[in-house]
Amino acid sequence: MNAQLEWSGRGACRAVDPDTLFVQGQEQNRAKSVCLGCQVRTECLAYALDNREEFGVWGGMTERERRALLRRRPTVTSWRGLLETARSEHDEPGEGEGEQVPASGF
């Protein structure tokens, strides 16, 4: 398998009909729900952004959402690098971070 796609076998979408992810309109929200909690969501989204995938839901984003993101950040040369860095920073809170805030916000 292509090294760029080695993650795809672990995707939550592997158990659904691929046509489920290539829909339009309101059906896209259902398609995006497949991505919720997926362990390779970041890799999937990075692949779609780096390869300018035009169609379908990838990494929890529709084609319209990805196009908007690409327009907002035209200087990004590696979405994989950017998203992996952001994920690692999010997963490893720094000093003073990581304290749990009650759902009420107080």
PDB file of N, CA and C in Angstrom:
ATOM      1  N   MET A   1       0.853  -1.193   0.000  1.00  0.00           N
ATOM      2  CA  MET A   1       0.000   0.000   0.000  1.00  0.00           C
ATOM      3  C   MET A   1       0.888   1.242   0.000  1.00  0.00           C
ATOM      4  N   ASN A   2       0.435   2.262  -0.650  1.00  0.00           N
ATOM      5  CA  ASN A   2       1.128   3.536  -0.711  1.00  0.00           C
ATOM      6  C   ASN A   2       1.406   4.021   0.713  1.00  0.00           C
ATOM      7  N   ALA A   3       2.652   4.419   0.984  1.00  0.00           N
ATOM      8  CA  ALA A   3       3.030   4.880   2.320  1.00  0.00           C
ATOM      9  C   ALA A   3       2.177   6.050   2.781  1.00  0.00           C
ATOM     10  N   GLN A   4       1.740   6.888   1.834  1.00  0.00           N
ATOM     11  CA  GLN A   4       0.892   8.029   2.187  1.00  0.00           C
ATOM     12  C   GLN A   4      -0.459   7.579   2.713  1.00  0.00           C
ATOM     13  N   LEU A   5      -0.880   6.384   2.366  1.00  0.00           N
ATOM     14  CA  LEU A   5      -2.216   5.915   2.737  1.00  0.00           C
ATOM     15  C   LEU A   5      -2.193   4.774   3.744  1.00  0.00           C
ATOM     16  N   GLU A   6      -1.050   4.469   4.358  1.00  0.00           N
ATOM     17  CA  GLU A   6      -0.971   3.355   5.290  1.00  0.00           C
ATOM     18  C   GLU A   6      -1.953   3.488   6.448  1.00  0.00           C
ATOM     19  N   TRP A   7      -2.333   4.687   6.781  1.00  0.00           N
ATOM     20  CA  TRP A   7      -3.272   4.949   7.873  1.00  0.00           C
ATOM     21  C   TRP A   7      -4.700   4.571   7.511  1.00  0.00           C
ATOM     22  N   SER A   8      -5.016   4.504   6.236  1.00  0.00           N
ATOM     23  CA  SER A   8      -6.410   4.366   5.804  1.00  0.00           C
ATOM     24  C   SER A   8      -7.069   3.071   6.273  1.00  0.00           C
ATOM     25  N   GLY A   9      -6.297   2.028   6.480  1.00  0.00           N
ATOM     26  CA  GLY A   9      -6.860   0.769   6.962  1.00  0.00           C
ATOM     27  C   GLY A   9      -7.355   0.832   8.393  1.00  0.00           C
ATOM     28  N   ARG A  10      -6.996   1.884   9.106  1.00  0.00           N
ATOM     29  CA  ARG A  10      -7.438   2.060  10.495  1.00  0.00           C
ATOM     30  C   ARG A  10      -8.569   3.078  10.621  1.00  0.00           C
ATOM     31  N   GLY A  11      -9.037   3.605   9.499  1.00  0.00           N
ATOM     32  CA  GLY A  11     -10.074   4.633   9.505  1.00  0.00           C
ATOM     33  C   GLY A  11     -11.436   4.085   9.890  1.00  0.00           C
ATOM     34  N   ALA A  12     -12.221   4.918  10.542  1.00  0.00           N
ATOM     35  CA  ALA A  12     -13.586   4.535  10.913  1.00  0.00           C
ATOM     36  C   ALA A  12     -14.419   4.260   9.664  1.00  0.00           C
ATOM     37  N   CYS A  13     -14.049   4.855   8.559  1.00  0.00           N
ATOM     38  CA  CYS A  13     -14.810   4.714   7.312  1.00  0.00           C
ATOM     39  C   CYS A  13     -14.565   3.379   6.620  1.00  0.00           C
ATOM     40  N   ARG A  14     -13.600   2.609   7.089  1.00  0.00           N
ATOM     41  CA  ARG A  14     -13.300   1.346   6.411  1.00  0.00           C
ATOM     42  C   ARG A  14     -14.489   0.388   6.438  1.00  0.00           C
ATOM     43  N   ALA A  15     -15.407   0.598   7.378  1.00  0.00           N
ATOM     44  CA  ALA A  15     -16.556  -0.289   7.525  1.00  0.00           C
ATOM     45  C   ALA A  15     -17.813   0.236   6.826  1.00  0.00           C
ATOM     46  N   VAL A  16     -17.706   1.355   6.123  1.00  0.00           N
ATOM     47  CA  VAL A  16     -18.887   1.912   5.448  1.00  0.00           C
ATOM     48  C   VAL A  16     -18.675   1.899   3.939  1.00  0.00           C
ATOM     49  N   ASP A  17     -19.763   1.960   3.226  1.00  0.00           N
ATOM     50  CA  ASP A  17     -19.714   2.050   1.767  1.00  0.00           C
ATOM     51  C   ASP A  17     -19.040   3.371   1.400  1.00  0.00           C
ATOM     52  N   PRO A  18     -17.998   3.339   0.570  1.00  0.00           N
ATOM     53  CA  PRO A  18     -17.296   4.580   0.210  1.00  0.00           C
ATOM     54  C   PRO A  18     -18.224   5.657  -0.355  1.00  0.00           C
ATOM     55  N   ASP A  19     -19.297   5.250  -1.031  1.00  0.00           N
ATOM     56  CA  ASP A  19     -20.236   6.229  -1.576  1.00  0.00           C
ATOM     57  C   ASP A  19     -20.878   7.080  -0.491  1.00  0.00           C
ATOM     58  N   THR A  20     -20.880   6.579   0.737  1.00  0.00           N
ATOM     59  CA  THR A  20     -21.436   7.309   1.881  1.00  0.00           C
ATOM     60  C   THR A  20     -20.699   8.627   2.098  1.00  0.00           C
ATOM     61  N   LEU A  21     -19.422   8.669   1.750  1.00  0.00           N
ATOM     62  CA  LEU A  21     -18.585   9.839   2.001  1.00  0.00           C
ATOM     63  C   LEU A  21     -18.553  10.821   0.827  1.00  0.00           C
ATOM     64  N   PHE A  22     -19.173  10.452  -0.273  1.00  0.00           N
ATOM     65  CA  PHE A  22     -19.174  11.296  -1.462  1.00  0.00           C
ATOM     66  C   PHE A  22     -20.611  11.671  -1.800  1.00  0.00           C
ATOM     67  N   VAL A  23     -21.161  12.532  -0.955  1.00  0.00           N
ATOM     68  CA  VAL A  23     -22.552  12.954  -1.054  1.00  0.00           C
ATOM     69  C   VAL A  23     -22.621  14.475  -1.064  1.00  0.00           C
ATOM     70  N   GLN A  24     -23.829  14.991  -1.245  1.00  0.00           N
ATOM     71  CA  GLN A  24     -24.005  16.442  -1.280  1.00  0.00           C
ATOM     72  C   GLN A  24     -25.080  16.861  -0.289  1.00  0.00           C
ATOM     73  N   GLY A  25     -25.119  18.162  -0.016  1.00  0.00           N
ATOM     74  CA  GLY A  25     -26.164  18.730   0.830  1.00  0.00           C
ATOM     75  C   GLY A  25     -26.147  18.205   2.251  1.00  0.00           C
ATOM     76  N   GLN A  26     -27.346  18.024   2.802  1.00  0.00           N
ATOM     77  CA  GLN A  26     -27.495  17.597   4.203  1.00  0.00           C
ATOM     78  C   GLN A  26     -26.856  16.250   4.473  1.00  0.00           C
ATOM     79  N   GLU A  27     -26.754  15.410   3.463  1.00  0.00           N
ATOM     80  CA  GLU A  27     -26.149  14.095   3.642  1.00  0.00           C
ATOM     81  C   GLU A  27     -24.692  14.206   4.084  1.00  0.00           C
ATOM     82  N   GLN A  28     -24.071  15.351   3.820  1.00  0.00           N
ATOM     83  CA  GLN A  28     -22.681  15.533   4.226  1.00  0.00           C
ATOM     84  C   GLN A  28     -22.533  15.518   5.744  1.00  0.00           C
ATOM     85  N   ASN A  29     -23.538  16.010   6.461  1.00  0.00           N
ATOM     86  CA  ASN A  29     -23.458  15.982   7.928  1.00  0.00           C
ATOM     87  C   ASN A  29     -23.435  14.547   8.439  1.00  0.00           C
ATOM     88  N   ARG A  30     -24.223  13.680   7.821  1.00  0.00           N
ATOM     89  CA  ARG A  30     -24.194  12.266   8.200  1.00  0.00           C
ATOM     90  C   ARG A  30     -22.836  11.666   7.869  1.00  0.00           C
ATOM     91  N   ALA A  31     -22.311  12.029   6.711  1.00  0.00           N
ATOM     92  CA  ALA A  31     -21.005  11.515   6.304  1.00  0.00           C
ATOM     93  C   ALA A  31     -19.914  11.976   7.274  1.00  0.00           C
ATOM     94  N   LYS A  32     -19.990  13.236   7.699  1.00  0.00           N
ATOM     95  CA  LYS A  32     -18.994  13.759   8.644  1.00  0.00           C
ATOM     96  C   LYS A  32     -19.055  13.030   9.981  1.00  0.00           C
ATOM     97  N   SER A  33     -20.233  12.555  10.353  1.00  0.00           N
ATOM     98  CA  SER A  33     -20.368  11.863  11.642  1.00  0.00           C
ATOM     99  C   SER A  33     -19.572  10.562  11.667  1.00  0.00           C
ATOM    100  N   VAL A  34     -19.296   9.987  10.510  1.00  0.00           N
ATOM    101  CA  VAL A  34     -18.465   8.782  10.436  1.00  0.00           C
ATOM    102  C   VAL A  34     -17.077   9.087  10.997  1.00  0.00           C
ATOM    103  N   CYS A  35     -16.618  10.314  10.807  1.00  0.00           N
ATOM    104  CA  CYS A  35     -15.264  10.711  11.201  1.00  0.00           C
ATOM    105  C   CYS A  35     -15.119  11.005  12.697  1.00  0.00           C
ATOM    106  N   LEU A  36     -16.237  11.214  13.381  1.00  0.00           N
ATOM    107  CA  LEU A  36     -16.165  11.538  14.805  1.00  0.00           C
ATOM    108  C   LEU A  36     -15.480  10.413  15.565  1.00  0.00           C
ATOM    109  N   GLY A  37     -14.457  10.738  16.293  1.00  0.00           N
ATOM    110  CA  GLY A  37     -13.740   9.751  17.094  1.00  0.00           C
ATOM    111  C   GLY A  37     -12.804   8.854  16.304  1.00  0.00           C
ATOM    112  N   CYS A  38     -12.657   9.094  15.012  1.00  0.00           N
ATOM    113  CA  CYS A  38     -11.775   8.265  14.194  1.00  0.00           C
ATOM    114  C   CYS A  38     -10.320   8.488  14.622  1.00  0.00           C
ATOM    115  N   GLN A  39      -9.594   7.404  14.768  1.00  0.00           N
ATOM    116  CA  GLN A  39      -8.209   7.498  15.239  1.00  0.00           C
ATOM    117  C   GLN A  39      -7.239   8.046  14.199  1.00  0.00           C
ATOM    118  N   VAL A  40      -7.636   8.101  12.941  1.00  0.00           N
ATOM    119  CA  VAL A  40      -6.747   8.631  11.899  1.00  0.00           C
ATOM    120  C   VAL A  40      -7.344   9.862  11.209  1.00  0.00           C
ATOM    121  N   ARG A  41      -8.208  10.555  11.902  1.00  0.00           N
ATOM    122  CA  ARG A  41      -8.866  11.731  11.329  1.00  0.00           C
ATOM    123  C   ARG A  41      -7.851  12.783  10.876  1.00  0.00           C
ATOM    124  N   THR A  42      -6.835  13.027  11.688  1.00  0.00           N
ATOM    125  CA  THR A  42      -5.816  14.027  11.349  1.00  0.00           C
ATOM    126  C   THR A  42      -5.062  13.636  10.084  1.00  0.00           C
ATOM    127  N   GLU A  43      -4.645  12.378   9.989  1.00  0.00           N
ATOM    128  CA  GLU A  43      -3.913  11.907   8.821  1.00  0.00           C
ATOM    129  C   GLU A  43      -4.772  12.003   7.562  1.00  0.00           C
ATOM    130  N   CYS A  44      -6.040  11.661   7.712  1.00  0.00           N
ATOM    131  CA  CYS A  44      -6.980  11.706   6.596  1.00  0.00           C
ATOM    132  C   CYS A  44      -7.177  13.133   6.092  1.00  0.00           C
ATOM    133  N   LEU A  45      -7.411  14.051   7.012  1.00  0.00           N
ATOM    134  CA  LEU A  45      -7.597  15.446   6.634  1.00  0.00           C
ATOM    135  C   LEU A  45      -6.331  16.005   6.003  1.00  0.00           C
ATOM    136  N   ALA A  46      -5.184  15.704   6.590  1.00  0.00           N
ATOM    137  CA  ALA A  46      -3.916  16.189   6.040  1.00  0.00           C
ATOM    138  C   ALA A  46      -3.703  15.660   4.625  1.00  0.00           C
ATOM    139  N   TYR A  47      -4.012  14.389   4.406  1.00  0.00           N
ATOM    140  CA  TYR A  47      -3.873  13.807   3.069  1.00  0.00           C
ATOM    141  C   TYR A  47      -4.741  14.564   2.062  1.00  0.00           C
ATOM    142  N   ALA A  48      -5.995  14.799   2.437  1.00  0.00           N
ATOM    143  CA  ALA A  48      -6.926  15.490   1.537  1.00  0.00           C
ATOM    144  C   ALA A  48      -6.457  16.908   1.229  1.00  0.00           C
ATOM    145  N   LEU A  49      -5.972  17.611   2.244  1.00  0.00           N
ATOM    146  CA  LEU A  49      -5.500  18.985   2.037  1.00  0.00           C
ATOM    147  C   LEU A  49      -4.211  19.016   1.219  1.00  0.00           C
ATOM    148  N   ASP A  50      -3.262  18.160   1.561  1.00  0.00           N
ATOM    149  CA  ASP A  50      -1.987  18.137   0.843  1.00  0.00           C
ATOM    150  C   ASP A  50      -2.156  17.720  -0.614  1.00  0.00           C
ATOM    151  N   ASN A  51      -3.147  16.877  -0.888  1.00  0.00           N
ATOM    152  CA  ASN A  51      -3.361  16.372  -2.245  1.00  0.00           C
ATOM    153  C   ASN A  51      -4.507  17.061  -2.963  1.00  0.00           C
ATOM    154  N   ARG A  52      -5.051  18.099  -2.320  1.00  0.00           N
ATOM    155  CA  ARG A  52      -6.137  18.902  -2.905  1.00  0.00           C
ATOM    156  C   ARG A  52      -7.285  18.020  -3.403  1.00  0.00           C
ATOM    157  N   GLU A  53      -7.696  17.076  -2.535  1.00  0.00           N
ATOM    158  CA  GLU A  53      -8.846  16.225  -2.870  1.00  0.00           C
ATOM    159  C   GLU A  53     -10.053  17.125  -3.061  1.00  0.00           C
ATOM    160  N   GLU A  54     -10.695  17.022  -4.198  1.00  0.00           N
ATOM    161  CA  GLU A  54     -11.789  17.923  -4.528  1.00  0.00           C
ATOM    162  C   GLU A  54     -13.149  17.438  -4.044  1.00  0.00           C
ATOM    163  N   PHE A  55     -13.303  16.142  -3.869  1.00  0.00           N
ATOM    164  CA  PHE A  55     -14.631  15.611  -3.586  1.00  0.00           C
ATOM    165  C   PHE A  55     -14.644  14.764  -2.322  1.00  0.00           C
ATOM    166  N   GLY A  56     -15.799  14.737  -1.681  1.00  0.00           N
ATOM    167  CA  GLY A  56     -16.013  13.854  -0.546  1.00  0.00           C
ATOM    168  C   GLY A  56     -15.666  14.464   0.793  1.00  0.00           C
ATOM    169  N   VAL A  57     -16.044  13.730   1.824  1.00  0.00           N
ATOM    170  CA  VAL A  57     -15.709  14.096   3.200  1.00  0.00           C
ATOM    171  C   VAL A  57     -14.422  13.369   3.559  1.00  0.00           C
ATOM    172  N   TRP A  58     -13.450  14.127   4.006  1.00  0.00           N
ATOM    173  CA  TRP A  58     -12.142  13.594   4.422  1.00  0.00           C
ATOM    174  C   TRP A  58     -11.802  14.213   5.767  1.00  0.00           C
ATOM    175  N   GLY A  59     -11.452  13.398   6.724  1.00  0.00           N
ATOM    176  CA  GLY A  59     -11.040  13.914   8.025  1.00  0.00           C
ATOM    177  C   GLY A  59     -12.092  14.777   8.689  1.00  0.00           C
ATOM    178  N   GLY A  60     -13.347  14.530   8.381  1.00  0.00           N
ATOM    179  CA  GLY A  60     -14.435  15.274   9.011  1.00  0.00           C
ATOM    180  C   GLY A  60     -14.750  16.611   8.370  1.00  0.00           C
ATOM    181  N   MET A  61     -14.175  16.880   7.200  1.00  0.00           N
ATOM    182  CA  MET A  61     -14.446  18.147   6.515  1.00  0.00           C
ATOM    183  C   MET A  61     -14.974  17.889   5.106  1.00  0.00           C
ATOM    184  N   THR A  62     -15.944  18.699   4.717  1.00  0.00           N
ATOM    185  CA  THR A  62     -16.489  18.619   3.361  1.00  0.00           C
ATOM    186  C   THR A  62     -15.539  19.304   2.395  1.00  0.00           C
ATOM    187  N   GLU A  63     -15.801  19.113   1.119  1.00  0.00           N
ATOM    188  CA  GLU A  63     -14.964  19.786   0.121  1.00  0.00           C
ATOM    189  C   GLU A  63     -15.039  21.294   0.259  1.00  0.00           C
ATOM    190  N   ARG A  64     -16.207  21.828   0.567  1.00  0.00           N
ATOM    191  CA  ARG A  64     -16.356  23.276   0.730  1.00  0.00           C
ATOM    192  C   ARG A  64     -15.542  23.764   1.934  1.00  0.00           C
ATOM    193  N   GLU A  65     -15.588  23.036   3.029  1.00  0.00           N
ATOM    194  CA  GLU A  65     -14.825  23.422   4.222  1.00  0.00           C
ATOM    195  C   GLU A  65     -13.325  23.364   3.953  1.00  0.00           C
ATOM    196  N   ARG A  66     -12.889  22.347   3.213  1.00  0.00           N
ATOM    197  CA  ARG A  66     -11.459  22.242   2.890  1.00  0.00           C
ATOM    198  C   ARG A  66     -11.017  23.371   1.962  1.00  0.00           C
ATOM    199  N   ARG A  67     -11.836  23.684   0.971  1.00  0.00           N
ATOM    200  CA  ARG A  67     -11.483  24.804   0.068  1.00  0.00           C
ATOM    201  C   ARG A  67     -11.351  26.103   0.850  1.00  0.00           C
ATOM    202  N   ALA A  68     -12.275  26.346   1.776  1.00  0.00           N
ATOM    203  CA  ALA A  68     -12.218  27.569   2.582  1.00  0.00           C
ATOM    204  C   ALA A  68     -10.940  27.599   3.418  1.00  0.00           C
ATOM    205  N   LEU A  69     -10.583  26.475   3.999  1.00  0.00           N
ATOM    206  CA  LEU A  69      -9.364  26.400   4.806  1.00  0.00           C
ATOM    207  C   LEU A  69      -8.128  26.644   3.940  1.00  0.00           C
ATOM    208  N   LEU A  70      -8.102  26.064   2.763  1.00  0.00           N
ATOM    209  CA  LEU A  70      -6.972  26.279   1.852  1.00  0.00           C
ATOM    210  C   LEU A  70      -6.852  27.745   1.436  1.00  0.00           C
ATOM    211  N   ARG A  71      -7.992  28.403   1.242  1.00  0.00           N
ATOM    212  CA  ARG A  71      -7.964  29.829   0.890  1.00  0.00           C
ATOM    213  C   ARG A  71      -7.473  30.672   2.063  1.00  0.00           C
ATOM    214  N   ARG A  72      -7.871  30.306   3.283  1.00  0.00           N
ATOM    215  CA  ARG A  72      -7.444  31.077   4.464  1.00  0.00           C
ATOM    216  C   ARG A  72      -5.966  30.893   4.775  1.00  0.00           C
ATOM    217  N   ARG A  73      -5.402  29.753   4.411  1.00  0.00           N
ATOM    218  CA  ARG A  73      -4.010  29.448   4.750  1.00  0.00           C
ATOM    219  C   ARG A  73      -3.213  29.054   3.503  1.00  0.00           C
ATOM    220  N   PRO A  74      -3.080  29.954   2.527  1.00  0.00           N
ATOM    221  CA  PRO A  74      -2.438  29.592   1.254  1.00  0.00           C
ATOM    222  C   PRO A  74      -0.946  29.300   1.357  1.00  0.00           C
ATOM    223  N   THR A  75      -0.309  29.708   2.445  1.00  0.00           N
ATOM    224  CA  THR A  75       1.140  29.523   2.549  1.00  0.00           C
ATOM    225  C   THR A  75       1.534  28.187   3.173  1.00  0.00           C
ATOM    226  N   VAL A  76       0.570  27.408   3.619  1.00  0.00           N
ATOM    227  CA  VAL A  76       0.904  26.111   4.226  1.00  0.00           C
ATOM    228  C   VAL A  76       1.386  25.174   3.132  1.00  0.00           C
ATOM    229  N   THR A  77       2.587  24.639   3.318  1.00  0.00           N
ATOM    230  CA  THR A  77       3.154  23.727   2.321  1.00  0.00           C
ATOM    231  C   THR A  77       2.980  22.267   2.718  1.00  0.00           C
ATOM    232  N   SER A  78       2.807  21.992   4.012  1.00  0.00           N
ATOM    233  CA  SER A  78       2.581  20.619   4.477  1.00  0.00           C
ATOM    234  C   SER A  78       1.507  20.631   5.558  1.00  0.00           C
ATOM    235  N   TRP A  79       0.300  20.266   5.156  1.00  0.00           N
ATOM    236  CA  TRP A  79      -0.781  20.182   6.132  1.00  0.00           C
ATOM    237  C   TRP A  79      -0.529  19.046   7.105  1.00  0.00           C
ATOM    238  N   ARG A  80       0.101  17.991   6.635  1.00  0.00           N
ATOM    239  CA  ARG A  80       0.402  16.874   7.533  1.00  0.00           C
ATOM    240  C   ARG A  80       1.303  17.343   8.668  1.00  0.00           C
ATOM    241  N   GLY A  81       2.354  18.055   8.322  1.00  0.00           N
ATOM    242  CA  GLY A  81       3.261  18.565   9.346  1.00  0.00           C
ATOM    243  C   GLY A  81       2.562  19.519  10.297  1.00  0.00           C
ATOM    244  N   LEU A  82       1.781  20.426   9.748  1.00  0.00           N
ATOM    245  CA  LEU A  82       1.071  21.409  10.565  1.00  0.00           C
ATOM    246  C   LEU A  82       0.076  20.731  11.516  1.00  0.00           C
ATOM    247  N   LEU A  83      -0.728  19.819  10.980  1.00  0.00           N
ATOM    248  CA  LEU A  83      -1.749  19.169  11.805  1.00  0.00           C
ATOM    249  C   LEU A  83      -1.148  18.220  12.835  1.00  0.00           C
ATOM    250  N   GLU A  84      -0.072  17.531  12.478  1.00  0.00           N
ATOM    251  CA  GLU A  84       0.577  16.641  13.449  1.00  0.00           C
ATOM    252  C   GLU A  84       1.213  17.438  14.580  1.00  0.00           C
ATOM    253  N   THR A  85       1.802  18.580  14.251  1.00  0.00           N
ATOM    254  CA  THR A  85       2.373  19.447  15.282  1.00  0.00           C
ATOM    255  C   THR A  85       1.283  19.967  16.203  1.00  0.00           C
ATOM    256  N   ALA A  86       0.186  20.420  15.617  1.00  0.00           N
ATOM    257  CA  ALA A  86      -0.929  20.929  16.420  1.00  0.00           C
ATOM    258  C   ALA A  86      -1.500  19.837  17.309  1.00  0.00           C
ATOM    259  N   ARG A  87      -1.618  18.620  16.777  1.00  0.00           N
ATOM    260  CA  ARG A  87      -2.153  17.509  17.577  1.00  0.00           C
ATOM    261  C   ARG A  87      -1.223  17.185  18.737  1.00  0.00           C
ATOM    262  N   SER A  88       0.079  17.138  18.485  1.00  0.00           N
ATOM    263  CA  SER A  88       1.007  16.801  19.561  1.00  0.00           C
ATOM    264  C   SER A  88       1.025  17.892  20.632  1.00  0.00           C
ATOM    265  N   GLU A  89       0.891  19.147  20.220  1.00  0.00           N
ATOM    266  CA  GLU A  89       0.832  20.235  21.202  1.00  0.00           C
ATOM    267  C   GLU A  89      -0.454  20.162  22.011  1.00  0.00           C
ATOM    268  N   HIS A  90      -1.531  19.757  21.385  1.00  0.00           N
ATOM    269  CA  HIS A  90      -2.822  19.627  22.074  1.00  0.00           C
ATOM    270  C   HIS A  90      -2.804  18.434  23.029  1.00  0.00           C
ATOM    271  N   ASP A  91      -2.170  17.340  22.608  1.00  0.00           N
ATOM    272  CA  ASP A  91      -2.139  16.121  23.418  1.00  0.00           C
ATOM    273  C   ASP A  91      -1.185  16.220  24.600  1.00  0.00           C
ATOM    274  N   GLU A  92      -0.214  17.131  24.527  1.00  0.00           N
ATOM    275  CA  GLU A  92       0.770  17.284  25.595  1.00  0.00           C
ATOM    276  C   GLU A  92       0.676  18.691  26.169  1.00  0.00           C
ATOM    277  N   PRO A  93      -0.236  18.906  27.134  1.00  0.00           N
ATOM    278  CA  PRO A  93      -0.387  20.248  27.704  1.00  0.00           C
ATOM    279  C   PRO A  93       0.891  20.710  28.388  1.00  0.00           C
ATOM    280  N   GLY A  94       1.156  21.999  28.253  1.00  0.00           N
ATOM    281  CA  GLY A  94       2.327  22.595  28.891  1.00  0.00           C
ATOM    282  C   GLY A  94       2.060  22.912  30.346  1.00  0.00           C
ATOM    283  N   GLU A  95       3.008  23.541  30.975  1.00  0.00           N
ATOM    284  CA  GLU A  95       2.897  23.893  32.385  1.00  0.00           C
ATOM    285  C   GLU A  95       1.687  24.800  32.606  1.00  0.00           C
ATOM    286  N   GLY A  96       0.875  24.461  33.603  1.00  0.00           N
ATOM    287  CA  GLY A  96      -0.285  25.268  33.930  1.00  0.00           C
ATOM    288  C   GLY A  96      -1.496  24.937  33.080  1.00  0.00           C
ATOM    289  N   GLU A  97      -1.275  24.116  32.063  1.00  0.00           N
ATOM    290  CA  GLU A  97      -2.394  23.703  31.219  1.00  0.00           C
ATOM    291  C   GLU A  97      -2.829  22.316  31.661  1.00  0.00           C
ATOM    292  N   GLY A  98      -3.921  21.879  31.139  1.00  0.00           N
ATOM    293  CA  GLY A  98      -4.353  20.525  31.401  1.00  0.00           C
ATOM    294  C   GLY A  98      -5.271  20.404  32.605  1.00  0.00           C
ATOM    295  N   GLU A  99      -5.500  21.492  33.320  1.00  0.00           N
ATOM    296  CA  GLU A  99      -6.436  21.435  34.439  1.00  0.00           C
ATOM    297  C   GLU A  99      -7.831  21.300  33.892  1.00  0.00           C
ATOM    298  N   GLN A 100      -8.619  20.483  34.548  1.00  0.00           N
ATOM    299  CA  GLN A 100      -9.993  20.281  34.113  1.00  0.00           C
ATOM    300  C   GLN A 100     -10.880  21.422  34.592  1.00  0.00           C
ATOM    301  N   VAL A 101     -11.654  21.962  33.693  1.00  0.00           N
ATOM    302  CA  VAL A 101     -12.600  23.025  34.012  1.00  0.00           C
ATOM    303  C   VAL A 101     -13.972  22.393  34.026  1.00  0.00           C
ATOM    304  N   PRO A 102     -14.754  22.580  35.087  1.00  0.00           N
ATOM    305  CA  PRO A 102     -16.094  22.014  35.108  1.00  0.00           C
ATOM    306  C   PRO A 102     -16.912  22.491  33.906  1.00  0.00           C
ATOM    307  N   ALA A 103     -17.850  21.653  33.493  1.00  0.00           N
ATOM    308  CA  ALA A 103     -18.672  21.961  32.324  1.00  0.00           C
ATOM    309  C   ALA A 103     -19.397  23.285  32.474  1.00  0.00           C
ATOM    310  N   SER A 104     -19.666  23.709  33.699  1.00  0.00           N
ATOM    311  CA  SER A 104     -20.358  24.973  33.899  1.00  0.00           C
ATOM    312  C   SER A 104     -19.485  26.164  33.577  1.00  0.00           C
ATOM    313  N   GLY A 105     -18.160  25.929  33.492  1.00  0.00           N
ATOM    314  CA  GLY A 105     -17.234  27.011  33.160  1.00  0.00           C
ATOM    315  C   GLY A 105     -16.729  27.737  34.387  1.00  0.00           C
ATOM    316  N   PHE A 106     -17.097  27.286  35.571  1.00  0.00           N
ATOM    317  CA  PHE A 106     -16.655  27.932  36.807  1.00  0.00           C
ATOM    318  C   PHE A 106     -15.643  27.089  37.534  1.00  0.00           C
TER     319      PHE A 106
END
